[in-house]
PDB file of N, CA and C in Angstrom:
ATOM      1  N   MET A   1       8.856  12.023  57.176  1.00  0.00           N
ATOM      2  CA  MET A   1       8.784  10.789  56.436  1.00  0.00           C
ATOM      3  C   MET A   1      10.144  10.130  56.396  1.00  0.00           C
ATOM      4  N   ARG A   2      10.085   8.884  56.514  1.00  0.00           N
ATOM      5  CA  ARG A   2      11.313   8.116  56.490  1.00  0.00           C
ATOM      6  C   ARG A   2      11.468   7.425  55.146  1.00  0.00           C
ATOM      7  N   SER A   3      12.616   7.530  54.523  1.00  0.00           N
ATOM      8  CA  SER A   3      12.829   6.829  53.259  1.00  0.00           C
ATOM      9  C   SER A   3      13.961   5.823  53.429  1.00  0.00           C
ATOM     10  N   LEU A   4      13.807   4.734  52.769  1.00  0.00           N
ATOM     11  CA  LEU A   4      14.837   3.711  52.819  1.00  0.00           C
ATOM     12  C   LEU A   4      15.938   4.065  51.825  1.00  0.00           C
ATOM     13  N   LYS A   5      17.107   3.544  52.061  1.00  0.00           N
ATOM     14  CA  LYS A   5      18.233   3.863  51.202  1.00  0.00           C
ATOM     15  C   LYS A   5      18.029   3.337  49.778  1.00  0.00           C
ATOM     16  N   ASN A   6      17.321   2.231  49.601  1.00  0.00           N
ATOM     17  CA  ASN A   6      17.176   1.663  48.266  1.00  0.00           C
ATOM     18  C   ASN A   6      16.090   2.362  47.449  1.00  0.00           C
ATOM     19  N   GLN A   7      15.362   3.305  48.034  1.00  0.00           N
ATOM     20  CA  GLN A   7      14.324   4.020  47.298  1.00  0.00           C
ATOM     21  C   GLN A   7      14.840   5.349  46.739  1.00  0.00           C
ATOM     22  N   GLN A   8      15.994   5.739  47.101  1.00  0.00           N
ATOM     23  CA  GLN A   8      16.529   6.993  46.594  1.00  0.00           C
ATOM     24  C   GLN A   8      16.846   6.837  45.111  1.00  0.00           C
ATOM     25  N   GLY A   9      16.425   7.810  44.310  1.00  0.00           N
ATOM     26  CA  GLY A   9      16.691   7.771  42.871  1.00  0.00           C
ATOM     27  C   GLY A   9      15.564   7.168  42.058  1.00  0.00           C
ATOM     28  N   SER A  10      14.565   6.605  42.698  1.00  0.00           N
ATOM     29  CA  SER A  10      13.478   6.009  41.930  1.00  0.00           C
ATOM     30  C   SER A  10      12.661   7.085  41.215  1.00  0.00           C
ATOM     31  N   GLY A  11      12.556   8.255  41.791  1.00  0.00           N
ATOM     32  CA  GLY A  11      11.861   9.367  41.130  1.00  0.00           C
ATOM     33  C   GLY A  11      12.616   9.832  39.899  1.00  0.00           C
ATOM     34  N   GLN A  12      13.926   9.867  39.989  1.00  0.00           N
ATOM     35  CA  GLN A  12      14.742  10.258  38.843  1.00  0.00           C
ATOM     36  C   GLN A  12      14.623   9.228  37.724  1.00  0.00           C
ATOM     37  N   LEU A  13      14.566   7.969  38.088  1.00  0.00           N
ATOM     38  CA  LEU A  13      14.409   6.914  37.099  1.00  0.00           C
ATOM     39  C   LEU A  13      13.061   7.043  36.381  1.00  0.00           C
ATOM     40  N   ALA A  14      12.019   7.373  37.123  1.00  0.00           N
ATOM     41  CA  ALA A  14      10.701   7.555  36.520  1.00  0.00           C
ATOM     42  C   ALA A  14      10.713   8.723  35.536  1.00  0.00           C
ATOM     43  N   VAL A  15      11.404   9.796  35.877  1.00  0.00           N
ATOM     44  CA  VAL A  15      11.495  10.948  34.976  1.00  0.00           C
ATOM     45  C   VAL A  15      12.265  10.582  33.719  1.00  0.00           C
ATOM     46  N   ILE A  16      13.335   9.839  33.850  1.00  0.00           N
ATOM     47  CA  ILE A  16      14.128   9.422  32.689  1.00  0.00           C
ATOM     48  C   ILE A  16      13.294   8.529  31.772  1.00  0.00           C
ATOM     49  N   VAL A  17      12.559   7.591  32.334  1.00  0.00           N
ATOM     50  CA  VAL A  17      11.694   6.717  31.532  1.00  0.00           C
ATOM     51  C   VAL A  17      10.626   7.548  30.818  1.00  0.00           C
ATOM     52  N   LEU A  18      10.059   8.509  31.501  1.00  0.00           N
ATOM     53  CA  LEU A  18       9.043   9.375  30.898  1.00  0.00           C
ATOM     54  C   LEU A  18       9.626  10.166  29.735  1.00  0.00           C
ATOM     55  N   VAL A  19      10.825  10.702  29.898  1.00  0.00           N
ATOM     56  CA  VAL A  19      11.473  11.466  28.828  1.00  0.00           C
ATOM     57  C   VAL A  19      11.740  10.567  27.627  1.00  0.00           C
ATOM     58  N   VAL A  20      12.185   9.351  27.856  1.00  0.00           N
ATOM     59  CA  VAL A  20      12.454   8.423  26.764  1.00  0.00           C
ATOM     60  C   VAL A  20      11.157   8.084  26.021  1.00  0.00           C
ATOM     61  N   VAL A  21      10.082   7.823  26.743  1.00  0.00           N
ATOM     62  CA  VAL A  21       8.799   7.494  26.110  1.00  0.00           C
ATOM     63  C   VAL A  21       8.301   8.670  25.278  1.00  0.00           C
ATOM     64  N   VAL A  22       8.385   9.882  25.797  1.00  0.00           N
ATOM     65  CA  VAL A  22       7.940  11.060  25.054  1.00  0.00           C
ATOM     66  C   VAL A  22       8.807  11.262  23.812  1.00  0.00           C
ATOM     67  N   ALA A  23      10.107  11.030  23.923  1.00  0.00           N
ATOM     68  CA  ALA A  23      11.007  11.175  22.780  1.00  0.00           C
ATOM     69  C   ALA A  23      10.668  10.153  21.692  1.00  0.00           C
ATOM     70  N   VAL A  24      10.399   8.923  22.068  1.00  0.00           N
ATOM     71  CA  VAL A  24      10.051   7.886  21.095  1.00  0.00           C
ATOM     72  C   VAL A  24       8.728   8.229  20.413  1.00  0.00           C
ATOM     73  N   LEU A  25       7.739   8.667  21.176  1.00  0.00           N
ATOM     74  CA  LEU A  25       6.454   9.054  20.584  1.00  0.00           C
ATOM     75  C   LEU A  25       6.619  10.244  19.641  1.00  0.00           C
ATOM     76  N   GLY A  26       7.446  11.186  20.017  1.00  0.00           N
ATOM     77  CA  GLY A  26       7.706  12.333  19.152  1.00  0.00           C
ATOM     78  C   GLY A  26       8.385  11.926  17.859  1.00  0.00           C
ATOM     79  N   LEU A  27       9.345  11.012  17.938  1.00  0.00           N
ATOM     80  CA  LEU A  27      10.036  10.529  16.747  1.00  0.00           C
ATOM     81  C   LEU A  27       9.069   9.800  15.823  1.00  0.00           C
ATOM     82  N   VAL A  28       8.229   8.960  16.375  1.00  0.00           N
ATOM     83  CA  VAL A  28       7.250   8.227  15.562  1.00  0.00           C
ATOM     84  C   VAL A  28       6.277   9.202  14.900  1.00  0.00           C
ATOM     85  N   ALA A  29       5.802  10.181  15.644  1.00  0.00           N
ATOM     86  CA  ALA A  29       4.879  11.174  15.079  1.00  0.00           C
ATOM     87  C   ALA A  29       5.550  11.975  13.966  1.00  0.00           C
ATOM     88  N   TYR A  30       6.804  12.313  14.145  1.00  0.00           N
ATOM     89  CA  TYR A  30       7.539  13.054  13.122  1.00  0.00           C
ATOM     90  C   TYR A  30       7.669  12.231  11.846  1.00  0.00           C
ATOM     91  N   ARG A  31       8.024  10.952  12.001  1.00  0.00           N
ATOM     92  CA  ARG A  31       8.183  10.083  10.828  1.00  0.00           C
ATOM     93  C   ARG A  31       6.861   9.910  10.087  1.00  0.00           C
ATOM     94  N   VAL A  32       5.769   9.734  10.818  1.00  0.00           N
ATOM     95  CA  VAL A  32       4.460   9.590  10.186  1.00  0.00           C
ATOM     96  C   VAL A  32       4.094  10.877   9.456  1.00  0.00           C
ATOM     97  N   HIS A  33       4.351  12.007  10.084  1.00  0.00           N
ATOM     98  CA  HIS A  33       4.047  13.297   9.457  1.00  0.00           C
ATOM     99  C   HIS A  33       4.866  13.487   8.178  1.00  0.00           C
ATOM    100  N   GLN A  34       6.145  13.163   8.209  1.00  0.00           N
ATOM    101  CA  GLN A  34       6.995  13.296   7.029  1.00  0.00           C
ATOM    102  C   GLN A  34       6.519  12.374   5.916  1.00  0.00           C
ATOM    103  N   ASN A  35       6.143  11.149   6.260  1.00  0.00           N
ATOM    104  CA  ASN A  35       5.682  10.186   5.267  1.00  0.00           C
ATOM    105  C   ASN A  35       4.385  10.666   4.633  1.00  0.00           C
ATOM    106  N   THR A  36       3.482  11.192   5.434  1.00  0.00           N
ATOM    107  CA  THR A  36       2.216  11.703   4.926  1.00  0.00           C
ATOM    108  C   THR A  36       2.445  12.933   4.057  1.00  0.00           C
ATOM    109  N   ALA A  37       3.346  13.801   4.448  1.00  0.00           N
ATOM    110  CA  ALA A  37       3.633  15.003   3.677  1.00  0.00           C
ATOM    111  C   ALA A  37       4.243  14.645   2.328  1.00  0.00           C
ATOM    112  N   ASP A  38       5.106  13.635   2.283  1.00  0.00           N
ATOM    113  CA  ASP A  38       5.705  13.206   1.027  1.00  0.00           C
ATOM    114  C   ASP A  38       4.649  12.656   0.077  1.00  0.00           C
ATOM    115  N   LYS A  39       3.727  11.855   0.605  1.00  0.00           N
ATOM    116  CA  LYS A  39       2.678  11.278  -0.242  1.00  0.00           C
ATOM    117  C   LYS A  39       1.733  12.351  -0.748  1.00  0.00           C
ATOM    118  N   SER A  40       1.368  13.314   0.092  1.00  0.00           N
ATOM    119  CA  SER A  40       0.442  14.350  -0.353  1.00  0.00           C
ATOM    120  C   SER A  40       1.107  15.272  -1.366  1.00  0.00           C
ATOM    121  N   ALA A  41       2.408  15.509  -1.250  1.00  0.00           N
ATOM    122  CA  ALA A  41       3.109  16.336  -2.229  1.00  0.00           C
ATOM    123  C   ALA A  41       3.126  15.646  -3.582  1.00  0.00           C
ATOM    124  N   THR A  42       3.329  14.337  -3.597  1.00  0.00           N
ATOM    125  CA  THR A  42       3.316  13.581  -4.835  1.00  0.00           C
ATOM    126  C   THR A  42       1.920  13.585  -5.446  1.00  0.00           C
ATOM    127  N   THR A  43       0.907  13.395  -4.635  1.00  0.00           N
ATOM    128  CA  THR A  43      -0.464  13.391  -5.120  1.00  0.00           C
ATOM    129  C   THR A  43      -0.851  14.759  -5.647  1.00  0.00           C
ATOM    130  N   THR A  44      -0.470  15.814  -4.960  1.00  0.00           N
ATOM    131  CA  THR A  44      -0.808  17.165  -5.384  1.00  0.00           C
ATOM    132  C   THR A  44      -0.123  17.503  -6.701  1.00  0.00           C
ATOM    133  N   ALA A  45       1.108  17.088  -6.866  1.00  0.00           N
ATOM    134  CA  ALA A  45       1.825  17.392  -8.098  1.00  0.00           C
ATOM    135  C   ALA A  45       1.165  16.721  -9.283  1.00  0.00           C
ATOM    136  N   SER A  46       0.731  15.483  -9.150  1.00  0.00           N
ATOM    137  CA  SER A  46       0.113  14.790 -10.269  1.00  0.00           C
ATOM    138  C   SER A  46      -1.299  15.298 -10.513  1.00  0.00           C
ATOM    139  N   ALA A  47      -1.981  15.752  -9.472  1.00  0.00           N
ATOM    140  CA  ALA A  47      -3.347  16.232  -9.640  1.00  0.00           C
ATOM    141  C   ALA A  47      -3.378  17.590 -10.313  1.00  0.00           C
ATOM    142  N   THR A  48      -2.336  18.396 -10.166  1.00  0.00           N
ATOM    143  CA  THR A  48      -2.345  19.725 -10.757  1.00  0.00           C
ATOM    144  C   THR A  48      -1.907  19.709 -12.210  1.00  0.00           C
ATOM    145  N   GLU A  49      -1.422  18.601 -12.723  1.00  0.00           N
ATOM    146  CA  GLU A  49      -0.988  18.537 -14.107  1.00  0.00           C
ATOM    147  C   GLU A  49      -2.163  18.627 -15.072  1.00  0.00           C
ATOM    148  N   THR A  50      -3.318  18.102 -14.700  1.00  0.00           N
ATOM    149  CA  THR A  50      -4.477  18.125 -15.568  1.00  0.00           C
ATOM    150  C   THR A  50      -5.625  18.833 -14.864  1.00  0.00           C
ATOM    151  N   ALA A  51      -6.441  19.485 -15.654  1.00  0.00           N
ATOM    152  CA  ALA A  51      -7.585  20.199 -15.089  1.00  0.00           C
ATOM    153  C   ALA A  51      -8.747  19.226 -14.928  1.00  0.00           C
ATOM    154  N   VAL A  52      -9.178  19.040 -13.719  1.00  0.00           N
ATOM    155  CA  VAL A  52     -10.279  18.136 -13.423  1.00  0.00           C
ATOM    156  C   VAL A  52     -11.412  18.965 -12.832  1.00  0.00           C
ATOM    157  N   PRO A  53     -12.614  18.853 -13.395  1.00  0.00           N
ATOM    158  CA  PRO A  53     -13.727  19.609 -12.808  1.00  0.00           C
ATOM    159  C   PRO A  53     -14.062  19.097 -11.421  1.00  0.00           C
ATOM    160  N   SER A  54     -14.431  20.018 -10.527  1.00  0.00           N
ATOM    161  CA  SER A  54     -14.737  19.617  -9.161  1.00  0.00           C
ATOM    162  C   SER A  54     -16.074  18.892  -9.082  1.00  0.00           C
ATOM    163  N   LYS A  55     -16.987  19.241  -9.981  1.00  0.00           N
ATOM    164  CA  LYS A  55     -18.290  18.597  -9.995  1.00  0.00           C
ATOM    165  C   LYS A  55     -18.691  18.366 -11.445  1.00  0.00           C
ATOM    166  N   ILE A  56     -19.099  17.175 -11.765  1.00  0.00           N
ATOM    167  CA  ILE A  56     -19.473  16.846 -13.135  1.00  0.00           C
ATOM    168  C   ILE A  56     -20.950  17.147 -13.313  1.00  0.00           C
ATOM    169  N   THR A  57     -21.227  18.179 -14.124  1.00  0.00           N
ATOM    170  CA  THR A  57     -22.612  18.578 -14.355  1.00  0.00           C
ATOM    171  C   THR A  57     -23.000  18.502 -15.819  1.00  0.00           C
ATOM    172  N   SER A  58     -22.019  18.297 -16.692  1.00  0.00           N
ATOM    173  CA  SER A  58     -22.332  18.230 -18.124  1.00  0.00           C
ATOM    174  C   SER A  58     -21.441  17.202 -18.798  1.00  0.00           C
ATOM    175  N   LYS A  59     -21.751  16.951 -20.058  1.00  0.00           N
ATOM    176  CA  LYS A  59     -20.956  15.995 -20.821  1.00  0.00           C
ATOM    177  C   LYS A  59     -19.533  16.518 -21.017  1.00  0.00           C
ATOM    178  N   ALA A  60     -19.367  17.832 -21.131  1.00  0.00           N
ATOM    179  CA  ALA A  60     -18.034  18.418 -21.272  1.00  0.00           C
ATOM    180  C   ALA A  60     -17.190  18.162 -20.020  1.00  0.00           C
ATOM    181  N   ASP A  61     -17.828  18.292 -18.854  1.00  0.00           N
ATOM    182  CA  ASP A  61     -17.116  17.996 -17.607  1.00  0.00           C
ATOM    183  C   ASP A  61     -16.717  16.529 -17.544  1.00  0.00           C
ATOM    184  N   LEU A  62     -17.609  15.668 -18.024  1.00  0.00           N
ATOM    185  CA  LEU A  62     -17.313  14.234 -18.040  1.00  0.00           C
ATOM    186  C   LEU A  62     -16.155  13.939 -18.975  1.00  0.00           C
ATOM    187  N   ASN A  63     -16.124  14.605 -20.122  1.00  0.00           N
ATOM    188  CA  ASN A  63     -15.018  14.415 -21.063  1.00  0.00           C
ATOM    189  C   ASN A  63     -13.704  14.916 -20.482  1.00  0.00           C
ATOM    190  N   LYS A  64     -13.737  16.053 -19.752  1.00  0.00           N
ATOM    191  CA  LYS A  64     -12.516  16.556 -19.105  1.00  0.00           C
ATOM    192  C   LYS A  64     -12.012  15.555 -18.068  1.00  0.00           C
ATOM    193  N   ALA A  65     -12.927  15.017 -17.277  1.00  0.00           N
ATOM    194  CA  ALA A  65     -12.533  14.041 -16.265  1.00  0.00           C
ATOM    195  C   ALA A  65     -11.969  12.792 -16.926  1.00  0.00           C
ATOM    196  N   ASP A  66     -12.572  12.378 -18.038  1.00  0.00           N
ATOM    197  CA  ASP A  66     -12.094  11.203 -18.768  1.00  0.00           C
ATOM    198  C   ASP A  66     -10.689  11.441 -19.297  1.00  0.00           C
ATOM    199  N   GLN A  67     -10.448  12.629 -19.855  1.00  0.00           N
ATOM    200  CA  GLN A  67      -9.118  12.964 -20.362  1.00  0.00           C
ATOM    201  C   GLN A  67      -8.094  13.022 -19.232  1.00  0.00           C
ATOM    202  N   ALA A  68      -8.502  13.551 -18.087  1.00  0.00           N
ATOM    203  CA  ALA A  68      -7.590  13.617 -16.946  1.00  0.00           C
ATOM    204  C   ALA A  68      -7.218  12.221 -16.468  1.00  0.00           C
ATOM    205  N   LEU A  69      -8.200  11.329 -16.448  1.00  0.00           N
ATOM    206  CA  LEU A  69      -7.908   9.957 -16.028  1.00  0.00           C
ATOM    207  C   LEU A  69      -7.045   9.245 -17.058  1.00  0.00           C
ATOM    208  N   ASP A  70      -7.294   9.493 -18.346  1.00  0.00           N
ATOM    209  CA  ASP A  70      -6.491   8.853 -19.385  1.00  0.00           C
ATOM    210  C   ASP A  70      -5.053   9.340 -19.375  1.00  0.00           C
ATOM    211  N   SER A  71      -4.833  10.605 -19.001  1.00  0.00           N
ATOM    212  CA  SER A  71      -3.470  11.141 -18.993  1.00  0.00           C
ATOM    213  C   SER A  71      -2.710  10.790 -17.719  1.00  0.00           C
ATOM    214  N   THR A  72      -3.403  10.244 -16.731  1.00  0.00           N
ATOM    215  CA  THR A  72      -2.754   9.882 -15.479  1.00  0.00           C
ATOM    216  C   THR A  72      -1.892   8.643 -15.687  1.00  0.00           C
ATOM    217  N   SER A  73      -0.673   8.705 -15.181  1.00  0.00           N
ATOM    218  CA  SER A  73       0.239   7.574 -15.289  1.00  0.00           C
ATOM    219  C   SER A  73      -0.233   6.438 -14.389  1.00  0.00           C
ATOM    220  N   ILE A  74      -0.446   5.278 -14.985  1.00  0.00           N
ATOM    221  CA  ILE A  74      -0.882   4.116 -14.215  1.00  0.00           C
ATOM    222  C   ILE A  74       0.082   2.972 -14.438  1.00  0.00           C
ATOM    223  N   ASP A  75      -0.114   1.916 -13.738  1.00  0.00           N
ATOM    224  CA  ASP A  75       0.739   0.746 -13.836  1.00  0.00           C
ATOM    225  C   ASP A  75       0.731   0.225 -15.266  1.00  0.00           C
ATOM    226  N   SER A  76       1.895  -0.133 -15.791  1.00  0.00           N
ATOM    227  CA  SER A  76       1.990  -0.588 -17.180  1.00  0.00           C
ATOM    228  C   SER A  76       1.283  -1.919 -17.409  1.00  0.00           C
ATOM    229  N   ALA A  77       1.024  -2.666 -16.358  1.00  0.00           N
ATOM    230  CA  ALA A  77       0.347  -3.951 -16.514  1.00  0.00           C
ATOM    231  C   ALA A  77      -1.157  -3.780 -16.721  1.00  0.00           C
ATOM    232  N   ILE A  78      -1.675  -2.581 -16.481  1.00  0.00           N
ATOM    233  CA  ILE A  78      -3.109  -2.333 -16.627  1.00  0.00           C
ATOM    234  C   ILE A  78      -3.360  -1.734 -18.005  1.00  0.00           C
ATOM    235  N   ASN A  79      -4.314  -2.300 -18.710  1.00  0.00           N
ATOM    236  CA  ASN A  79      -4.682  -1.806 -20.025  1.00  0.00           C
ATOM    237  C   ASN A  79      -5.851  -0.838 -19.868  1.00  0.00           C
ATOM    238  N   PRO A  80      -5.650   0.472 -20.132  1.00  0.00           N
ATOM    239  CA  PRO A  80      -6.734   1.428 -19.927  1.00  0.00           C
ATOM    240  C   PRO A  80      -7.933   1.180 -20.839  1.00  0.00           C
ATOM    241  N   ASN A  81      -7.682   0.669 -22.043  1.00  0.00           N
ATOM    242  CA  ASN A  81      -8.799   0.387 -22.950  1.00  0.00           C
ATOM    243  C   ASN A  81      -9.683  -0.728 -22.397  1.00  0.00           C
ATOM    244  N   GLN A  82      -9.048  -1.742 -21.836  1.00  0.00           N
ATOM    245  CA  GLN A  82      -9.815  -2.836 -21.240  1.00  0.00           C
ATOM    246  C   GLN A  82     -10.588  -2.347 -20.035  1.00  0.00           C
ATOM    247  N   LEU A  83      -9.982  -1.452 -19.270  1.00  0.00           N
ATOM    248  CA  LEU A  83     -10.669  -0.869 -18.107  1.00  0.00           C
ATOM    249  C   LEU A  83     -11.901  -0.074 -18.560  1.00  0.00           C
ATOM    250  N   ASP A  84     -11.742   0.721 -19.646  1.00  0.00           N
ATOM    251  CA  ASP A  84     -12.888   1.473 -20.181  1.00  0.00           C
ATOM    252  C   ASP A  84     -14.005   0.531 -20.631  1.00  0.00           C
ATOM    253  N   GLN A  85     -13.627  -0.560 -21.270  1.00  0.00           N
ATOM    254  CA  GLN A  85     -14.642  -1.524 -21.718  1.00  0.00           C
ATOM    255  C   GLN A  85     -15.346  -2.170 -20.542  1.00  0.00           C
ATOM    256  N   ASP A  86     -14.584  -2.487 -19.515  1.00  0.00           N
ATOM    257  CA  ASP A  86     -15.189  -3.106 -18.319  1.00  0.00           C
ATOM    258  C   ASP A  86     -16.157  -2.133 -17.616  1.00  0.00           C
ATOM    259  N   ILE A  87     -15.768  -0.870 -17.574  1.00  0.00           N
ATOM    260  CA  ILE A  87     -16.634   0.132 -16.942  1.00  0.00           C
ATOM    261  C   ILE A  87     -17.898   0.328 -17.779  1.00  0.00           C
ATOM    262  N   SER A  88     -17.732   0.353 -19.092  1.00  0.00           N
ATOM    263  CA  SER A  88     -18.889   0.525 -19.974  1.00  0.00           C
ATOM    264  C   SER A  88     -19.844  -0.667 -19.864  1.00  0.00           C
ATOM    265  N   ALA A  89     -19.288  -1.839 -19.624  1.00  0.00           N
ATOM    266  CA  ALA A  89     -20.110  -3.043 -19.519  1.00  0.00           C
ATOM    267  C   ALA A  89     -20.951  -3.039 -18.243  1.00  0.00           C
ATOM    268  N   LEU A  90     -20.560  -2.276 -17.259  1.00  0.00           N
ATOM    269  CA  LEU A  90     -21.335  -2.222 -16.035  1.00  0.00           C
ATOM    270  C   LEU A  90     -22.626  -1.521 -16.310  1.00  0.00           C
TER     271      LEU A  90
END
């Protein structure tokens, strides 16, 4: 096979581009994984503070779930009493 002088190194360039693309994809995947892990750690920490029944089968379970929701920190602009009234009105 005959190769022209201007084609030498094109294979090396393709390998370098491939390595760069894989590195960028790996970095993006790492950042997404770290972001997801941070959010799940925050969610898990707040969920373990109160005991919430996995399945509501009685009025006691409903009261536990209600207490867990009431003790959850929410935005200060939201009035939990108004939210309870709105839910009851449904």
